[in-house]
Amino acid sequence: MGSDTICLPNGTEYSGEMQNDKPHGWGTLVDGSGNRYEGEFKEGKMDGKGTLTQVDGMVYQGEFKDNMFHGKGTLIQPDNCRYDGEFARNRFNGLGRLVQADGSKWEGEFTEGAINGLGTITMPDGQQIPGRFKNGKFETI
């Protein structure tokens, strides 16, 4: 495995470890739009731990698999909404905490990108409401 810098016709630039002419190991990739990934690659794909920073202000730091958010990570959106928790195939999935721009929070279960299951809502004033989301509806318990 060696290190190299490559530039593609679409404006993407990669600098880092390579194997079989593909990014493999630690490296930095900047695409033609200016989105930047720094972290681990496996056979040309983001795979392992890394940080993706997009030009729109979105930042994801955590685990990747096959170019997708997968495992534990933190996602901060341009509007300052923040999710800390588990991901599967680019979606919130498992246990996590979602903090909205207004300060309200959901800490609990997520399924395929949606709040679903047991958890606690914390209102901006600090009031906590334990309950369950089921089919998009909240029920107190």
N, C-alpha and C. Protein backbone atom coordinates (compact mmCIF):
# COMPACT_ATOMS: atom_id res chain seq x y z
N MET A 1 0.86 -1.17 0.00
CA MET A 1 0.00 0.00 0.00
C MET A 1 0.90 1.23 0.00
N GLY A 2 0.61 2.18 -0.89
CA GLY A 2 1.40 3.40 -0.98
C GLY A 2 0.50 4.61 -0.89
N SER A 3 1.10 5.79 -0.88
CA SER A 3 0.35 7.04 -0.84
C SER A 3 0.51 7.76 -2.17
N ASP A 4 -0.54 8.50 -2.54
CA ASP A 4 -0.50 9.20 -3.82
C ASP A 4 -1.54 10.30 -3.80
N THR A 5 -1.47 11.17 -4.79
CA THR A 5 -2.50 12.18 -5.02
C THR A 5 -2.99 11.99 -6.44
N ILE A 6 -4.32 11.91 -6.60
CA ILE A 6 -4.90 11.76 -7.93
C ILE A 6 -5.96 12.83 -8.15
N CYS A 7 -6.08 13.29 -9.38
CA CYS A 7 -7.09 14.26 -9.77
C CYS A 7 -7.90 13.65 -10.90
N LEU A 8 -9.22 13.66 -10.75
CA LEU A 8 -10.10 13.10 -11.77
C LEU A 8 -10.67 14.20 -12.65
N PRO A 9 -11.12 13.86 -13.87
CA PRO A 9 -11.66 14.87 -14.79
C PRO A 9 -12.86 15.64 -14.22
N ASN A 10 -13.62 15.04 -13.29
CA ASN A 10 -14.79 15.72 -12.73
C ASN A 10 -14.42 16.71 -11.63
N GLY A 11 -13.12 16.91 -11.38
CA GLY A 11 -12.68 17.87 -10.37
C GLY A 11 -12.41 17.28 -9.00
N THR A 12 -12.67 15.99 -8.83
CA THR A 12 -12.41 15.32 -7.56
C THR A 12 -10.91 15.12 -7.39
N GLU A 13 -10.44 15.41 -6.17
CA GLU A 13 -9.03 15.20 -5.85
C GLU A 13 -8.93 14.33 -4.60
N TYR A 14 -8.08 13.31 -4.68
CA TYR A 14 -7.84 12.41 -3.55
C TYR A 14 -6.36 12.41 -3.23
N SER A 15 -6.08 12.48 -1.94
CA SER A 15 -4.70 12.39 -1.48
C SER A 15 -4.66 11.45 -0.29
N GLY A 16 -3.87 10.40 -0.41
CA GLY A 16 -3.78 9.46 0.71
C GLY A 16 -3.30 8.10 0.29
N GLU A 17 -3.57 7.13 1.15
CA GLU A 17 -3.13 5.76 0.92
C GLU A 17 -3.97 5.12 -0.17
N MET A 18 -3.31 4.26 -0.97
CA MET A 18 -3.99 3.59 -2.07
C MET A 18 -3.55 2.13 -2.13
N GLN A 19 -4.46 1.34 -2.68
CA GLN A 19 -4.16 -0.07 -2.94
C GLN A 19 -4.91 -0.46 -4.20
N ASN A 20 -4.24 -1.10 -5.14
CA ASN A 20 -4.85 -1.49 -6.42
C ASN A 20 -5.48 -0.29 -7.13
N ASP A 21 -4.78 0.84 -7.11
CA ASP A 21 -5.21 2.08 -7.76
C ASP A 21 -6.52 2.64 -7.22
N LYS A 22 -6.88 2.31 -5.98
CA LYS A 22 -8.08 2.84 -5.34
C LYS A 22 -7.72 3.38 -3.97
N PRO A 23 -8.47 4.42 -3.51
CA PRO A 23 -8.26 4.87 -2.14
C PRO A 23 -8.48 3.71 -1.17
N HIS A 24 -7.52 3.51 -0.29
CA HIS A 24 -7.60 2.39 0.66
C HIS A 24 -6.69 2.73 1.84
N GLY A 25 -7.29 2.87 3.02
CA GLY A 25 -6.55 3.33 4.19
C GLY A 25 -6.97 4.77 4.48
N TRP A 26 -6.06 5.57 5.01
CA TRP A 26 -6.39 6.94 5.40
C TRP A 26 -6.17 7.89 4.23
N GLY A 27 -7.14 8.83 4.03
CA GLY A 27 -6.98 9.80 2.96
C GLY A 27 -7.96 10.94 3.06
N THR A 28 -7.81 11.88 2.12
CA THR A 28 -8.69 13.04 2.02
C THR A 28 -9.19 13.13 0.59
N LEU A 29 -10.51 13.29 0.45
CA LEU A 29 -11.14 13.41 -0.86
C LEU A 29 -11.94 14.71 -0.88
N VAL A 30 -11.72 15.52 -1.91
CA VAL A 30 -12.50 16.74 -2.12
C VAL A 30 -13.13 16.61 -3.50
N ASP A 31 -14.48 16.65 -3.55
CA ASP A 31 -15.13 16.49 -4.85
C ASP A 31 -15.19 17.82 -5.59
N GLY A 32 -15.66 17.78 -6.83
CA GLY A 32 -15.70 18.97 -7.67
C GLY A 32 -16.55 20.10 -7.14
N SER A 33 -17.48 19.80 -6.22
CA SER A 33 -18.33 20.82 -5.61
C SER A 33 -17.71 21.44 -4.37
N GLY A 34 -16.64 20.82 -3.86
CA GLY A 34 -15.99 21.31 -2.65
C GLY A 34 -16.33 20.54 -1.39
N ASN A 35 -17.18 19.51 -1.50
CA ASN A 35 -17.46 18.65 -0.35
C ASN A 35 -16.18 17.89 -0.01
N ARG A 36 -15.91 17.72 1.30
CA ARG A 36 -14.63 17.15 1.73
C ARG A 36 -14.87 16.00 2.70
N TYR A 37 -14.18 14.89 2.45
CA TYR A 37 -14.16 13.75 3.36
C TYR A 37 -12.73 13.48 3.76
N GLU A 38 -12.52 13.35 5.06
CA GLU A 38 -11.21 12.96 5.56
C GLU A 38 -11.42 11.78 6.49
N GLY A 39 -10.77 10.67 6.15
CA GLY A 39 -10.94 9.49 6.98
C GLY A 39 -10.48 8.23 6.29
N GLU A 40 -11.12 7.14 6.69
CA GLU A 40 -10.71 5.82 6.21
C GLU A 40 -11.48 5.43 4.95
N PHE A 41 -10.77 4.76 4.05
CA PHE A 41 -11.33 4.24 2.81
C PHE A 41 -11.07 2.74 2.75
N LYS A 42 -11.96 2.06 2.06
CA LYS A 42 -11.77 0.63 1.79
C LYS A 42 -12.20 0.39 0.35
N GLU A 43 -11.26 -0.06 -0.47
CA GLU A 43 -11.52 -0.37 -1.87
C GLU A 43 -12.24 0.76 -2.60
N GLY A 44 -11.80 2.00 -2.37
CA GLY A 44 -12.33 3.15 -3.08
C GLY A 44 -13.54 3.80 -2.45
N LYS A 45 -14.05 3.27 -1.35
CA LYS A 45 -15.25 3.82 -0.71
C LYS A 45 -14.93 4.32 0.69
N MET A 46 -15.72 5.33 1.13
CA MET A 46 -15.62 5.78 2.52
C MET A 46 -16.06 4.61 3.38
N ASP A 47 -15.17 4.16 4.26
CA ASP A 47 -15.47 2.96 5.05
C ASP A 47 -14.57 2.98 6.29
N GLY A 48 -15.18 3.11 7.46
CA GLY A 48 -14.44 3.26 8.71
C GLY A 48 -14.79 4.60 9.32
N LYS A 49 -13.88 5.17 10.09
CA LYS A 49 -14.13 6.45 10.75
C LYS A 49 -13.68 7.60 9.87
N GLY A 50 -14.50 8.68 9.89
CA GLY A 50 -14.14 9.84 9.10
C GLY A 50 -15.05 11.01 9.36
N THR A 51 -14.75 12.12 8.67
CA THR A 51 -15.55 13.34 8.76
C THR A 51 -15.88 13.81 7.35
N LEU A 52 -17.17 14.03 7.10
CA LEU A 52 -17.65 14.56 5.82
C LEU A 52 -18.17 15.97 6.08
N THR A 53 -17.62 16.95 5.36
CA THR A 53 -18.06 18.34 5.48
C THR A 53 -18.54 18.78 4.10
N GLN A 54 -19.83 19.14 4.02
CA GLN A 54 -20.39 19.56 2.74
C GLN A 54 -20.40 21.08 2.65
N VAL A 55 -20.40 21.60 1.43
CA VAL A 55 -20.35 23.04 1.22
C VAL A 55 -21.59 23.75 1.77
N ASP A 56 -22.72 23.04 1.91
CA ASP A 56 -23.93 23.66 2.47
C ASP A 56 -23.87 23.80 3.99
N GLY A 57 -22.80 23.32 4.62
CA GLY A 57 -22.65 23.44 6.07
C GLY A 57 -22.93 22.17 6.84
N MET A 58 -23.44 21.13 6.19
CA MET A 58 -23.70 19.86 6.86
C MET A 58 -22.37 19.19 7.19
N VAL A 59 -22.26 18.68 8.45
CA VAL A 59 -21.06 17.97 8.88
C VAL A 59 -21.48 16.66 9.53
N TYR A 60 -20.86 15.58 9.09
CA TYR A 60 -21.05 14.27 9.73
C TYR A 60 -19.68 13.77 10.17
N GLN A 61 -19.63 13.36 11.44
CA GLN A 61 -18.40 12.77 11.96
C GLN A 61 -18.77 11.45 12.61
N GLY A 62 -18.15 10.38 12.13
CA GLY A 62 -18.45 9.08 12.70
C GLY A 62 -18.04 7.95 11.79
N GLU A 63 -18.85 6.89 11.83
CA GLU A 63 -18.53 5.67 11.10
C GLU A 63 -19.25 5.63 9.76
N PHE A 64 -18.54 5.09 8.75
CA PHE A 64 -19.06 4.93 7.40
C PHE A 64 -18.94 3.47 7.00
N LYS A 65 -19.83 3.05 6.09
CA LYS A 65 -19.71 1.75 5.44
C LYS A 65 -20.26 1.90 4.03
N ASP A 66 -19.47 1.49 3.04
CA ASP A 66 -19.89 1.57 1.63
C ASP A 66 -20.41 2.96 1.25
N ASN A 67 -19.67 4.01 1.62
CA ASN A 67 -20.01 5.41 1.31
C ASN A 67 -21.24 5.93 2.04
N MET A 68 -21.72 5.25 3.06
CA MET A 68 -22.90 5.69 3.80
C MET A 68 -22.59 5.86 5.28
N PHE A 69 -23.38 6.74 5.95
CA PHE A 69 -23.31 6.85 7.40
C PHE A 69 -23.80 5.53 7.95
N HIS A 70 -22.99 4.86 8.74
CA HIS A 70 -23.38 3.53 9.23
C HIS A 70 -22.58 3.23 10.49
N GLY A 71 -23.28 3.10 11.62
CA GLY A 71 -22.63 2.93 12.91
C GLY A 71 -22.91 4.16 13.76
N LYS A 72 -22.01 4.48 14.66
CA LYS A 72 -22.21 5.64 15.54
C LYS A 72 -21.64 6.89 14.90
N GLY A 73 -22.39 8.01 15.08
CA GLY A 73 -21.91 9.25 14.52
C GLY A 73 -22.68 10.45 15.00
N THR A 74 -22.23 11.62 14.55
CA THR A 74 -22.87 12.90 14.85
C THR A 74 -23.10 13.63 13.54
N LEU A 75 -24.34 14.08 13.33
CA LEU A 75 -24.72 14.82 12.13
C LEU A 75 -25.19 16.20 12.56
N ILE A 76 -24.58 17.24 12.01
CA ILE A 76 -25.01 18.61 12.29
C ILE A 76 -25.47 19.21 10.96
N GLN A 77 -26.74 19.64 10.93
CA GLN A 77 -27.33 20.20 9.72
C GLN A 77 -27.04 21.70 9.64
N PRO A 78 -27.17 22.32 8.47
CA PRO A 78 -26.93 23.76 8.33
C PRO A 78 -27.82 24.61 9.25
N ASP A 79 -29.02 24.13 9.59
CA ASP A 79 -29.93 24.89 10.47
C ASP A 79 -29.63 24.64 11.96
N ASN A 80 -28.51 23.97 12.25
CA ASN A 80 -28.04 23.65 13.60
C ASN A 80 -28.82 22.54 14.29
N CYS A 81 -29.70 21.83 13.57
CA CYS A 81 -30.25 20.60 14.13
C CYS A 81 -29.09 19.61 14.24
N ARG A 82 -29.11 18.84 15.33
CA ARG A 82 -27.99 17.92 15.59
C ARG A 82 -28.52 16.57 16.01
N TYR A 83 -27.93 15.52 15.45
CA TYR A 83 -28.25 14.15 15.84
C TYR A 83 -26.97 13.45 16.26
N ASP A 84 -27.03 12.85 17.45
CA ASP A 84 -25.93 12.02 17.96
C ASP A 84 -26.50 10.63 18.19
N GLY A 85 -25.93 9.63 17.56
CA GLY A 85 -26.43 8.29 17.80
C GLY A 85 -26.05 7.31 16.72
N GLU A 86 -26.93 6.35 16.53
CA GLU A 86 -26.67 5.24 15.61
C GLU A 86 -27.31 5.51 14.25
N PHE A 87 -26.59 5.08 13.21
CA PHE A 87 -27.05 5.21 11.83
C PHE A 87 -27.03 3.84 11.17
N ALA A 88 -27.90 3.67 10.18
CA ALA A 88 -27.86 2.50 9.29
C ALA A 88 -28.22 3.00 7.90
N ARG A 89 -27.34 2.80 6.94
CA ARG A 89 -27.57 3.17 5.55
C ARG A 89 -28.04 4.63 5.41
N ASN A 90 -27.30 5.56 6.02
CA ASN A 90 -27.55 7.01 5.95
C ASN A 90 -28.77 7.48 6.74
N ARG A 91 -29.39 6.64 7.53
CA ARG A 91 -30.58 7.03 8.29
C ARG A 91 -30.36 6.87 9.78
N PHE A 92 -31.05 7.72 10.57
CA PHE A 92 -31.05 7.53 12.02
C PHE A 92 -31.67 6.17 12.27
N ASN A 93 -31.00 5.34 13.05
CA ASN A 93 -31.53 3.99 13.27
C ASN A 93 -30.91 3.42 14.55
N GLY A 94 -31.76 3.14 15.54
CA GLY A 94 -31.27 2.67 16.84
C GLY A 94 -31.46 3.77 17.86
N LEU A 95 -30.57 3.83 18.83
CA LEU A 95 -30.67 4.85 19.88
C LEU A 95 -29.96 6.12 19.46
N GLY A 96 -30.60 7.27 19.80
CA GLY A 96 -29.97 8.53 19.46
C GLY A 96 -30.63 9.70 20.16
N ARG A 97 -30.04 10.86 19.93
CA ARG A 97 -30.57 12.11 20.48
C ARG A 97 -30.63 13.13 19.37
N LEU A 98 -31.81 13.69 19.13
CA LEU A 98 -32.03 14.70 18.10
C LEU A 98 -32.34 16.01 18.80
N VAL A 99 -31.53 17.04 18.52
CA VAL A 99 -31.73 18.36 19.10
C VAL A 99 -32.14 19.30 17.97
N GLN A 100 -33.33 19.89 18.09
CA GLN A 100 -33.84 20.81 17.07
C GLN A 100 -33.24 22.20 17.27
N ALA A 101 -33.36 23.05 16.27
CA ALA A 101 -32.81 24.41 16.34
C ALA A 101 -33.42 25.21 17.48
N ASP A 102 -34.68 24.92 17.86
CA ASP A 102 -35.33 25.64 18.96
C ASP A 102 -34.93 25.13 20.34
N GLY A 103 -34.09 24.09 20.39
CA GLY A 103 -33.63 23.54 21.66
C GLY A 103 -34.41 22.33 22.14
N SER A 104 -35.53 22.02 21.49
CA SER A 104 -36.28 20.82 21.89
C SER A 104 -35.48 19.58 21.50
N LYS A 105 -35.67 18.50 22.28
CA LYS A 105 -34.87 17.29 22.07
C LYS A 105 -35.75 16.05 22.11
N TRP A 106 -35.33 15.05 21.37
CA TRP A 106 -35.87 13.70 21.49
C TRP A 106 -34.68 12.79 21.77
N GLU A 107 -34.77 12.06 22.86
CA GLU A 107 -33.73 11.09 23.17
C GLU A 107 -34.40 9.74 23.30
N GLY A 108 -34.06 8.84 22.38
CA GLY A 108 -34.71 7.54 22.39
C GLY A 108 -34.44 6.76 21.12
N GLU A 109 -35.48 6.07 20.67
CA GLU A 109 -35.35 5.13 19.56
C GLU A 109 -35.73 5.76 18.22
N PHE A 110 -35.02 5.31 17.18
CA PHE A 110 -35.27 5.73 15.80
C PHE A 110 -35.31 4.48 14.93
N THR A 111 -36.15 4.51 13.89
CA THR A 111 -36.22 3.42 12.93
C THR A 111 -36.23 4.00 11.52
N GLU A 112 -35.25 3.63 10.71
CA GLU A 112 -35.15 4.05 9.31
C GLU A 112 -35.37 5.55 9.12
N GLY A 113 -34.72 6.36 9.96
CA GLY A 113 -34.76 7.81 9.82
C GLY A 113 -35.87 8.52 10.56
N ALA A 114 -36.78 7.78 11.18
CA ALA A 114 -37.92 8.39 11.88
C ALA A 114 -37.87 8.10 13.38
N ILE A 115 -38.38 9.07 14.16
CA ILE A 115 -38.55 8.83 15.59
C ILE A 115 -39.58 7.73 15.73
N ASN A 116 -39.22 6.67 16.46
CA ASN A 116 -40.13 5.54 16.58
C ASN A 116 -39.72 4.72 17.79
N GLY A 117 -40.62 4.58 18.76
CA GLY A 117 -40.32 3.79 19.95
C GLY A 117 -40.27 4.64 21.19
N LEU A 118 -39.65 4.09 22.23
CA LEU A 118 -39.59 4.74 23.54
C LEU A 118 -38.55 5.84 23.59
N GLY A 119 -38.85 6.87 24.39
CA GLY A 119 -37.88 7.94 24.59
C GLY A 119 -38.46 9.07 25.40
N THR A 120 -37.76 10.17 25.42
CA THR A 120 -38.17 11.35 26.18
C THR A 120 -38.04 12.59 25.32
N ILE A 121 -39.10 13.40 25.32
CA ILE A 121 -39.07 14.71 24.69
C ILE A 121 -38.66 15.71 25.78
N THR A 122 -37.73 16.59 25.46
CA THR A 122 -37.38 17.69 26.35
C THR A 122 -37.72 18.98 25.62
N MET A 123 -38.61 19.76 26.23
CA MET A 123 -39.05 21.02 25.63
C MET A 123 -37.97 22.09 25.82
N PRO A 124 -38.01 23.19 25.05
CA PRO A 124 -37.01 24.24 25.20
C PRO A 124 -36.93 24.81 26.63
N ASP A 125 -38.05 24.76 27.38
CA ASP A 125 -38.04 25.26 28.76
C ASP A 125 -37.51 24.24 29.76
N GLY A 126 -37.11 23.04 29.27
CA GLY A 126 -36.56 22.01 30.14
C GLY A 126 -37.55 20.95 30.59
N GLN A 127 -38.84 21.16 30.34
CA GLN A 127 -39.85 20.16 30.72
C GLN A 127 -39.60 18.86 29.96
N GLN A 128 -39.61 17.74 30.69
CA GLN A 128 -39.37 16.43 30.07
C GLN A 128 -40.67 15.62 30.05
N ILE A 129 -40.92 14.98 28.91
CA ILE A 129 -42.13 14.18 28.74
C ILE A 129 -41.72 12.80 28.23
N PRO A 130 -41.76 11.77 29.09
CA PRO A 130 -41.45 10.43 28.61
C PRO A 130 -42.62 9.87 27.81
N GLY A 131 -42.32 9.08 26.81
CA GLY A 131 -43.40 8.50 26.01
C GLY A 131 -42.88 7.61 24.91
N ARG A 132 -43.76 7.44 23.93
CA ARG A 132 -43.47 6.54 22.81
C ARG A 132 -44.03 7.15 21.53
N PHE A 133 -43.22 7.09 20.47
CA PHE A 133 -43.71 7.42 19.14
C PHE A 133 -44.08 6.12 18.45
N LYS A 134 -45.28 6.10 17.90
CA LYS A 134 -45.75 4.93 17.16
C LYS A 134 -46.52 5.44 15.95
N ASN A 135 -46.10 5.03 14.76
CA ASN A 135 -46.74 5.46 13.52
C ASN A 135 -46.84 6.98 13.42
N GLY A 136 -45.80 7.68 13.85
CA GLY A 136 -45.74 9.13 13.75
C GLY A 136 -46.51 9.89 14.81
N LYS A 137 -47.12 9.19 15.76
CA LYS A 137 -47.89 9.85 16.81
C LYS A 137 -47.23 9.60 18.17
N PHE A 138 -47.24 10.63 19.02
CA PHE A 138 -46.62 10.54 20.34
C PHE A 138 -47.67 10.17 21.39
N GLU A 139 -47.32 9.22 22.24
CA GLU A 139 -48.19 8.80 23.35
C GLU A 139 -47.38 8.90 24.63
N THR A 140 -47.93 9.55 25.66
CA THR A 140 -47.25 9.58 26.95
C THR A 140 -47.41 8.23 27.62
N ILE A 141 -46.46 7.91 28.50
CA ILE A 141 -46.55 6.63 29.23
C ILE A 141 -46.44 6.88 30.72
